[in-house]
Amino acid sequence: MQVIRVAEHTQELEDPGLDRFSAAYEERLERVLKDLFSACPDCASDAWEQAADDFDSQVGREKVVEFCLERGYDVRRDPGDGNNGKTELVGCWRDVGIMLLARDRGLIDA
């Protein structure tokens, strides 16, 4: 299976001066998600909200690398061993994980 390196798509989100809660960040994130999945989350949908809640409770940061790799996406900034045994993730790791869980549930076709 070919693995998509998410870090290759997220450079514009990794700008340290970019406020993660700004409209500019949201626009960039939307472009990244559309590039990766040809879709964006429907935040007004109860099914999407449930997917986000389930992702947080069932996967979270602890299992996100394995979860995403099993689905062909690598959310690590550097696929090396990480620093001090801790893997650095792309800034939008949670968004990618939620999109993958949503895809598993048939909310998107990507």
C-alpha atoms as a PDB file:
ATOM      1  CA  MET A   1       0.000   0.000   0.000  1.00  0.00           C
ATOM      2  CA  GLN A   2       1.248   3.439  -0.886  1.00  0.00           C
ATOM      3  CA  VAL A   3       1.465   5.777   2.106  1.00  0.00           C
ATOM      4  CA  ILE A   4       0.672   9.461   1.742  1.00  0.00           C
ATOM      5  CA  ARG A   5       3.081  11.647   3.701  1.00  0.00           C
ATOM      6  CA  VAL A   6       0.775  14.319   5.091  1.00  0.00           C
ATOM      7  CA  ALA A   7       3.767  16.543   5.953  1.00  0.00           C
ATOM      8  CA  GLU A   8       4.358  17.045   2.236  1.00  0.00           C
ATOM      9  CA  HIS A   9       0.915  18.665   1.982  1.00  0.00           C
ATOM     10  CA  THR A  10       0.922  20.768   5.160  1.00  0.00           C
ATOM     11  CA  GLN A  11       3.865  23.157   4.804  1.00  0.00           C
ATOM     12  CA  GLU A  12       1.516  26.141   4.582  1.00  0.00           C
ATOM     13  CA  LEU A  13      -0.056  25.135   7.921  1.00  0.00           C
ATOM     14  CA  GLU A  14       3.248  24.813   9.741  1.00  0.00           C
ATOM     15  CA  ASP A  15       4.126  28.526   9.690  1.00  0.00           C
ATOM     16  CA  PRO A  16       4.913  29.306  13.349  1.00  0.00           C
ATOM     17  CA  GLY A  17       3.389  32.787  13.040  1.00  0.00           C
ATOM     18  CA  LEU A  18       0.034  31.440  11.850  1.00  0.00           C
ATOM     19  CA  ASP A  19      -2.713  31.535  14.466  1.00  0.00           C
ATOM     20  CA  ARG A  20      -4.454  28.128  14.506  1.00  0.00           C
ATOM     21  CA  PHE A  21      -7.728  29.853  15.397  1.00  0.00           C
ATOM     22  CA  SER A  22      -7.656  32.393  12.564  1.00  0.00           C
ATOM     23  CA  ALA A  23      -9.710  32.437   9.386  1.00  0.00           C
ATOM     24  CA  ALA A  24      -6.485  32.215   7.370  1.00  0.00           C
ATOM     25  CA  TYR A  25      -5.542  28.964   9.101  1.00  0.00           C
ATOM     26  CA  GLU A  26      -9.032  27.530   8.556  1.00  0.00           C
ATOM     27  CA  GLU A  27      -8.845  28.388   4.844  1.00  0.00           C
ATOM     28  CA  ARG A  28      -5.439  26.734   4.515  1.00  0.00           C
ATOM     29  CA  LEU A  29      -6.607  23.686   6.464  1.00  0.00           C
ATOM     30  CA  GLU A  30      -9.635  23.366   4.190  1.00  0.00           C
ATOM     31  CA  ARG A  31      -7.348  23.408   1.121  1.00  0.00           C
ATOM     32  CA  VAL A  32      -5.123  20.721   2.653  1.00  0.00           C
ATOM     33  CA  LEU A  33      -8.067  18.470   3.529  1.00  0.00           C
ATOM     34  CA  LYS A  34      -9.594  18.909   0.073  1.00  0.00           C
ATOM     35  CA  ASP A  35      -6.216  18.041  -1.453  1.00  0.00           C
ATOM     36  CA  LEU A  36      -5.892  14.903   0.680  1.00  0.00           C
ATOM     37  CA  PHE A  37      -9.517  13.743   0.721  1.00  0.00           C
ATOM     38  CA  SER A  38     -11.426  15.761  -1.901  1.00  0.00           C
ATOM     39  CA  ALA A  39     -13.727  16.750   0.978  1.00  0.00           C
ATOM     40  CA  CYS A  40     -13.939  18.763   4.171  1.00  0.00           C
ATOM     41  CA  PRO A  41     -15.741  17.974   7.413  1.00  0.00           C
ATOM     42  CA  ASP A  42     -19.363  18.989   7.757  1.00  0.00           C
ATOM     43  CA  CYS A  43     -19.153  20.556  11.205  1.00  0.00           C
ATOM     44  CA  ALA A  44     -22.928  21.098  11.298  1.00  0.00           C
ATOM     45  CA  SER A  45     -23.570  17.361  10.966  1.00  0.00           C
ATOM     46  CA  ASP A  46     -24.230  15.248  14.066  1.00  0.00           C
ATOM     47  CA  ALA A  47     -22.489  12.296  12.385  1.00  0.00           C
ATOM     48  CA  TRP A  48     -19.319  14.374  11.934  1.00  0.00           C
ATOM     49  CA  GLU A  49     -19.467  15.582  15.534  1.00  0.00           C
ATOM     50  CA  GLN A  50     -19.807  11.975  16.663  1.00  0.00           C
ATOM     51  CA  ALA A  51     -16.832  10.973  14.508  1.00  0.00           C
ATOM     52  CA  ALA A  52     -14.745  13.730  16.124  1.00  0.00           C
ATOM     53  CA  ASP A  53     -15.800  12.674  19.637  1.00  0.00           C
ATOM     54  CA  ASP A  54     -15.118   9.013  18.871  1.00  0.00           C
ATOM     55  CA  PHE A  55     -11.727   9.849  17.392  1.00  0.00           C
ATOM     56  CA  ASP A  56     -10.763  11.718  20.551  1.00  0.00           C
ATOM     57  CA  SER A  57     -11.942   8.951  22.876  1.00  0.00           C
ATOM     58  CA  GLN A  58     -10.888   5.879  20.868  1.00  0.00           C
ATOM     59  CA  VAL A  59      -7.743   6.980  19.019  1.00  0.00           C
ATOM     60  CA  GLY A  60      -6.363  10.297  20.233  1.00  0.00           C
ATOM     61  CA  ARG A  61      -2.754  11.347  20.087  1.00  0.00           C
ATOM     62  CA  GLU A  62      -1.498   8.080  21.579  1.00  0.00           C
ATOM     63  CA  LYS A  63      -2.740   5.895  18.705  1.00  0.00           C
ATOM     64  CA  VAL A  64      -2.999   8.347  15.813  1.00  0.00           C
ATOM     65  CA  VAL A  65       0.204   7.292  14.010  1.00  0.00           C
ATOM     66  CA  GLU A  66      -0.801   3.624  13.899  1.00  0.00           C
ATOM     67  CA  PHE A  67      -4.440   4.470  13.054  1.00  0.00           C
ATOM     68  CA  CYS A  68      -3.446   6.694  10.139  1.00  0.00           C
ATOM     69  CA  LEU A  69      -0.682   4.416   8.830  1.00  0.00           C
ATOM     70  CA  GLU A  70      -3.140   1.512   8.699  1.00  0.00           C
ATOM     71  CA  ARG A  71      -5.219   3.674   6.364  1.00  0.00           C
ATOM     72  CA  GLY A  72      -2.296   4.812   4.206  1.00  0.00           C
ATOM     73  CA  TYR A  73      -1.549   8.231   5.742  1.00  0.00           C
ATOM     74  CA  ASP A  74       1.577   9.205   7.668  1.00  0.00           C
ATOM     75  CA  VAL A  75       0.922  12.127  10.039  1.00  0.00           C
ATOM     76  CA  ARG A  76       4.475  12.273  11.394  1.00  0.00           C
ATOM     77  CA  ARG A  77       6.555  15.354  10.579  1.00  0.00           C
ATOM     78  CA  ASP A  78       9.579  13.132  10.139  1.00  0.00           C
ATOM     79  CA  PRO A  79       9.131   9.387   9.747  1.00  0.00           C
ATOM     80  CA  GLY A  80      12.276   8.847  11.848  1.00  0.00           C
ATOM     81  CA  ASP A  81      12.258   7.663  15.434  1.00  0.00           C
ATOM     82  CA  GLY A  82      11.280  11.032  16.883  1.00  0.00           C
ATOM     83  CA  ASN A  83      12.940  12.969  19.681  1.00  0.00           C
ATOM     84  CA  ASN A  84      13.424  11.188  22.996  1.00  0.00           C
ATOM     85  CA  GLY A  85      11.024   8.459  21.860  1.00  0.00           C
ATOM     86  CA  LYS A  86       8.271  10.994  21.172  1.00  0.00           C
ATOM     87  CA  THR A  87       7.009  11.295  17.609  1.00  0.00           C
ATOM     88  CA  GLU A  88       6.433  14.799  16.292  1.00  0.00           C
ATOM     89  CA  LEU A  89       3.165  15.083  14.406  1.00  0.00           C
ATOM     90  CA  VAL A  90       1.974  17.500  11.756  1.00  0.00           C
ATOM     91  CA  GLY A  91      -0.145  20.278  13.215  1.00  0.00           C
ATOM     92  CA  CYS A  92      -3.359  18.971  11.658  1.00  0.00           C
ATOM     93  CA  TRP A  93      -2.935  15.341  12.810  1.00  0.00           C
ATOM     94  CA  ARG A  94      -6.316  15.366  14.578  1.00  0.00           C
ATOM     95  CA  ASP A  95      -8.127  16.734  11.514  1.00  0.00           C
ATOM     96  CA  VAL A  96      -6.601  14.036   9.309  1.00  0.00           C
ATOM     97  CA  GLY A  97      -7.528  11.342  11.824  1.00  0.00           C
ATOM     98  CA  ILE A  98     -11.117  12.538  11.987  1.00  0.00           C
ATOM     99  CA  MET A  99     -11.309  12.576   8.191  1.00  0.00           C
ATOM    100  CA  LEU A 100     -10.067   8.978   8.082  1.00  0.00           C
ATOM    101  CA  LEU A 101     -12.582   7.861  10.696  1.00  0.00           C
ATOM    102  CA  ALA A 102     -15.317   9.687   8.779  1.00  0.00           C
ATOM    103  CA  ARG A 103     -14.213   7.900   5.623  1.00  0.00           C
ATOM    104  CA  ASP A 104     -14.370   4.567   7.471  1.00  0.00           C
ATOM    105  CA  ARG A 105     -17.957   5.420   8.405  1.00  0.00           C
ATOM    106  CA  GLY A 106     -18.953   6.361   4.875  1.00  0.00           C
ATOM    107  CA  LEU A 107     -19.255  10.093   5.490  1.00  0.00           C
ATOM    108  CA  ILE A 108     -16.863  10.766   2.593  1.00  0.00           C
ATOM    109  CA  ASP A 109     -15.944   8.745  -0.469  1.00  0.00           C
ATOM    110  CA  ALA A 110     -12.257   9.671  -0.684  1.00  0.00           C
END
